[in-house]
Amino acid sequence: MLDTTDKAIIDIIKNNSRIQWREIGEMVHLTGQAVGNRIRRMEELGLIKGYTVDLDYSKLGQPLTAFVTVFMKSTNHMGFKSFSPKKQLSSEPTESAAMVVTYWNSGWLPMRN
């Protein structure tokens, strides 16, 4: 499915998803158009699902991240993973990801508000 050139392209765009295809092409010895074709193919295959931005929250006036511990009464970890703080809390956090701590039947929700 993937060759070494595809893997090199992935490594490059993981570090900078805004880099121009021509620049990637120079690094992997392809034309920019060939790089674009490979990237589109990987997107269509679902290998590349999206692109993201790494924000400096302190410069946005949000310097604090809180880790909220959630204790569960059951071992239904799928229920915990599907828990959405955005639906449950009145003020929407801008970021949340669930980490399940299976031994204690609990999990952490890193949240920024």
C-alpha atoms as a PDB file:
ATOM      1  CA  MET A   1       0.000   0.000   0.000  1.00  0.00           C
ATOM      2  CA  LEU A   2       2.672   2.533   1.023  1.00  0.00           C
ATOM      3  CA  ASP A   3       6.167   2.715  -0.351  1.00  0.00           C
ATOM      4  CA  THR A   4       9.187   4.440   1.187  1.00  0.00           C
ATOM      5  CA  THR A   5       8.403   7.672  -0.683  1.00  0.00           C
ATOM      6  CA  ASP A   6       4.874   7.789   0.733  1.00  0.00           C
ATOM      7  CA  LYS A   7       6.295   7.255   4.232  1.00  0.00           C
ATOM      8  CA  ALA A   8       8.821  10.052   3.678  1.00  0.00           C
ATOM      9  CA  ILE A   9       6.028  12.378   2.531  1.00  0.00           C
ATOM     10  CA  ILE A  10       4.010  11.519   5.642  1.00  0.00           C
ATOM     11  CA  ASP A  11       7.006  12.270   7.875  1.00  0.00           C
ATOM     12  CA  ILE A  12       7.452  15.649   6.195  1.00  0.00           C
ATOM     13  CA  ILE A  13       3.807  16.728   6.444  1.00  0.00           C
ATOM     14  CA  LYS A  14       3.560  15.501  10.056  1.00  0.00           C
ATOM     15  CA  ASN A  15       6.118  18.189  10.907  1.00  0.00           C
ATOM     16  CA  ASN A  16       4.677  20.880   8.625  1.00  0.00           C
ATOM     17  CA  SER A  17       1.355  20.233   6.907  1.00  0.00           C
ATOM     18  CA  ARG A  18       1.513  23.632   5.183  1.00  0.00           C
ATOM     19  CA  ILE A  19       4.707  22.908   3.258  1.00  0.00           C
ATOM     20  CA  GLN A  20       4.333  23.264  -0.490  1.00  0.00           C
ATOM     21  CA  TRP A  21       4.224  20.131  -2.608  1.00  0.00           C
ATOM     22  CA  ARG A  22       7.135  21.449  -4.681  1.00  0.00           C
ATOM     23  CA  GLU A  23       9.310  21.624  -1.564  1.00  0.00           C
ATOM     24  CA  ILE A  24       8.320  18.101  -0.568  1.00  0.00           C
ATOM     25  CA  GLY A  25       9.102  16.988  -4.099  1.00  0.00           C
ATOM     26  CA  GLU A  26      12.621  18.376  -3.833  1.00  0.00           C
ATOM     27  CA  MET A  27      13.129  16.373  -0.644  1.00  0.00           C
ATOM     28  CA  VAL A  28      11.792  13.083  -2.049  1.00  0.00           C
ATOM     29  CA  HIS A  29      12.954  13.575  -5.674  1.00  0.00           C
ATOM     30  CA  LEU A  30       9.503  13.957  -7.251  1.00  0.00           C
ATOM     31  CA  THR A  31       7.652  16.777  -8.953  1.00  0.00           C
ATOM     32  CA  GLY A  32       5.215  18.799  -6.888  1.00  0.00           C
ATOM     33  CA  GLN A  33       2.372  17.383  -8.977  1.00  0.00           C
ATOM     34  CA  ALA A  34       3.456  13.806  -8.225  1.00  0.00           C
ATOM     35  CA  VAL A  35       3.604  14.636  -4.508  1.00  0.00           C
ATOM     36  CA  GLY A  36       0.114  16.150  -4.683  1.00  0.00           C
ATOM     37  CA  ASN A  37      -1.192  13.017  -6.406  1.00  0.00           C
ATOM     38  CA  ARG A  38       0.283  10.823  -3.668  1.00  0.00           C
ATOM     39  CA  ILE A  39      -1.145  13.017  -0.899  1.00  0.00           C
ATOM     40  CA  ARG A  40      -4.608  13.020  -2.505  1.00  0.00           C
ATOM     41  CA  ARG A  41      -4.462   9.222  -2.851  1.00  0.00           C
ATOM     42  CA  MET A  42      -3.553   8.860   0.837  1.00  0.00           C
ATOM     43  CA  GLU A  43      -6.440  11.204   1.736  1.00  0.00           C
ATOM     44  CA  GLU A  44      -8.883   9.197  -0.400  1.00  0.00           C
ATOM     45  CA  LEU A  45      -7.699   5.966   1.251  1.00  0.00           C
ATOM     46  CA  GLY A  46      -8.396   7.532   4.631  1.00  0.00           C
ATOM     47  CA  LEU A  47      -4.761   7.297   5.654  1.00  0.00           C
ATOM     48  CA  ILE A  48      -4.539  11.073   5.994  1.00  0.00           C
ATOM     49  CA  LYS A  49      -7.715  12.021   7.846  1.00  0.00           C
ATOM     50  CA  GLY A  50      -7.092  15.713   8.309  1.00  0.00           C
ATOM     51  CA  TYR A  51      -4.721  18.481   9.199  1.00  0.00           C
ATOM     52  CA  THR A  52      -4.402  20.338  12.468  1.00  0.00           C
ATOM     53  CA  VAL A  53      -2.996  23.451  14.075  1.00  0.00           C
ATOM     54  CA  ASP A  54      -0.732  23.473  17.143  1.00  0.00           C
ATOM     55  CA  LEU A  55      -1.803  26.517  19.141  1.00  0.00           C
ATOM     56  CA  ASP A  56       0.042  28.365  21.894  1.00  0.00           C
ATOM     57  CA  TYR A  57      -2.886  28.688  24.304  1.00  0.00           C
ATOM     58  CA  SER A  58      -1.013  31.011  26.652  1.00  0.00           C
ATOM     59  CA  LYS A  59      -0.859  33.598  23.857  1.00  0.00           C
ATOM     60  CA  LEU A  60      -4.624  33.227  23.467  1.00  0.00           C
ATOM     61  CA  GLY A  61      -5.114  34.075  27.117  1.00  0.00           C
ATOM     62  CA  GLN A  62      -5.738  30.438  28.135  1.00  0.00           C
ATOM     63  CA  PRO A  63      -2.577  29.377  29.973  1.00  0.00           C
ATOM     64  CA  LEU A  64      -4.145  26.708  32.183  1.00  0.00           C
ATOM     65  CA  THR A  65      -4.965  23.090  31.459  1.00  0.00           C
ATOM     66  CA  ALA A  66      -6.942  21.199  34.097  1.00  0.00           C
ATOM     67  CA  PHE A  67      -6.996  17.436  34.395  1.00  0.00           C
ATOM     68  CA  VAL A  68     -10.407  16.349  35.624  1.00  0.00           C
ATOM     69  CA  THR A  69     -10.575  12.865  37.136  1.00  0.00           C
ATOM     70  CA  VAL A  70     -13.709  10.899  36.348  1.00  0.00           C
ATOM     71  CA  PHE A  71     -14.502   7.818  38.457  1.00  0.00           C
ATOM     72  CA  MET A  72     -16.771   5.214  36.921  1.00  0.00           C
ATOM     73  CA  LYS A  73     -19.214   2.896  38.631  1.00  0.00           C
ATOM     74  CA  SER A  74     -18.752   0.278  35.911  1.00  0.00           C
ATOM     75  CA  THR A  75     -16.083  -1.082  33.607  1.00  0.00           C
ATOM     76  CA  ASN A  76     -17.896   0.275  30.537  1.00  0.00           C
ATOM     77  CA  HIS A  77     -14.902   2.014  28.987  1.00  0.00           C
ATOM     78  CA  MET A  78     -16.744   2.605  25.725  1.00  0.00           C
ATOM     79  CA  GLY A  79     -19.197   4.729  27.694  1.00  0.00           C
ATOM     80  CA  PHE A  80     -16.316   6.755  29.066  1.00  0.00           C
ATOM     81  CA  LYS A  81     -14.720   7.199  25.645  1.00  0.00           C
ATOM     82  CA  SER A  82     -18.005   8.404  24.192  1.00  0.00           C
ATOM     83  CA  PHE A  83     -18.530  10.866  27.062  1.00  0.00           C
ATOM     84  CA  SER A  84     -18.444  14.344  25.591  1.00  0.00           C
ATOM     85  CA  PRO A  85     -17.637  17.196  27.964  1.00  0.00           C
ATOM     86  CA  LYS A  86     -18.994  19.617  25.368  1.00  0.00           C
ATOM     87  CA  LYS A  87     -22.425  18.074  25.798  1.00  0.00           C
ATOM     88  CA  GLN A  88     -22.258  17.734  29.579  1.00  0.00           C
ATOM     89  CA  LEU A  89     -20.737  21.056  30.682  1.00  0.00           C
ATOM     90  CA  SER A  90     -22.304  24.475  30.385  1.00  0.00           C
ATOM     91  CA  SER A  91     -19.114  26.196  29.236  1.00  0.00           C
ATOM     92  CA  GLU A  92     -17.512  24.483  26.294  1.00  0.00           C
ATOM     93  CA  PRO A  93     -13.884  23.456  26.664  1.00  0.00           C
ATOM     94  CA  THR A  94     -11.812  24.154  23.588  1.00  0.00           C
ATOM     95  CA  GLU A  95      -9.933  20.914  23.915  1.00  0.00           C
ATOM     96  CA  SER A  96     -10.617  17.516  25.417  1.00  0.00           C
ATOM     97  CA  ALA A  97      -9.227  14.037  25.042  1.00  0.00           C
ATOM     98  CA  ALA A  98     -10.013  11.060  27.224  1.00  0.00           C
ATOM     99  CA  MET A  99      -7.347   8.897  28.819  1.00  0.00           C
ATOM    100  CA  VAL A 100      -8.649   5.728  30.408  1.00  0.00           C
ATOM    101  CA  VAL A 101      -6.914   4.445  33.518  1.00  0.00           C
ATOM    102  CA  THR A 102      -8.202   0.873  33.499  1.00  0.00           C
ATOM    103  CA  TYR A 103      -6.776  -0.293  36.820  1.00  0.00           C
ATOM    104  CA  TRP A 104      -8.704   2.251  38.879  1.00  0.00           C
ATOM    105  CA  ASN A 105     -11.776   2.267  36.684  1.00  0.00           C
ATOM    106  CA  SER A 106     -11.352   5.954  36.114  1.00  0.00           C
ATOM    107  CA  GLY A 107     -10.035   8.356  33.528  1.00  0.00           C
ATOM    108  CA  TRP A 108      -8.629  11.821  33.028  1.00  0.00           C
ATOM    109  CA  LEU A 109     -10.085  14.523  30.837  1.00  0.00           C
ATOM    110  CA  PRO A 110      -7.577  17.245  30.012  1.00  0.00           C
ATOM    111  CA  MET A 111      -9.633  20.400  29.556  1.00  0.00           C
ATOM    112  CA  ARG A 112      -8.956  24.000  28.681  1.00  0.00           C
ATOM    113  CA  ASN A 113     -11.551  26.703  29.075  1.00  0.00           C
END
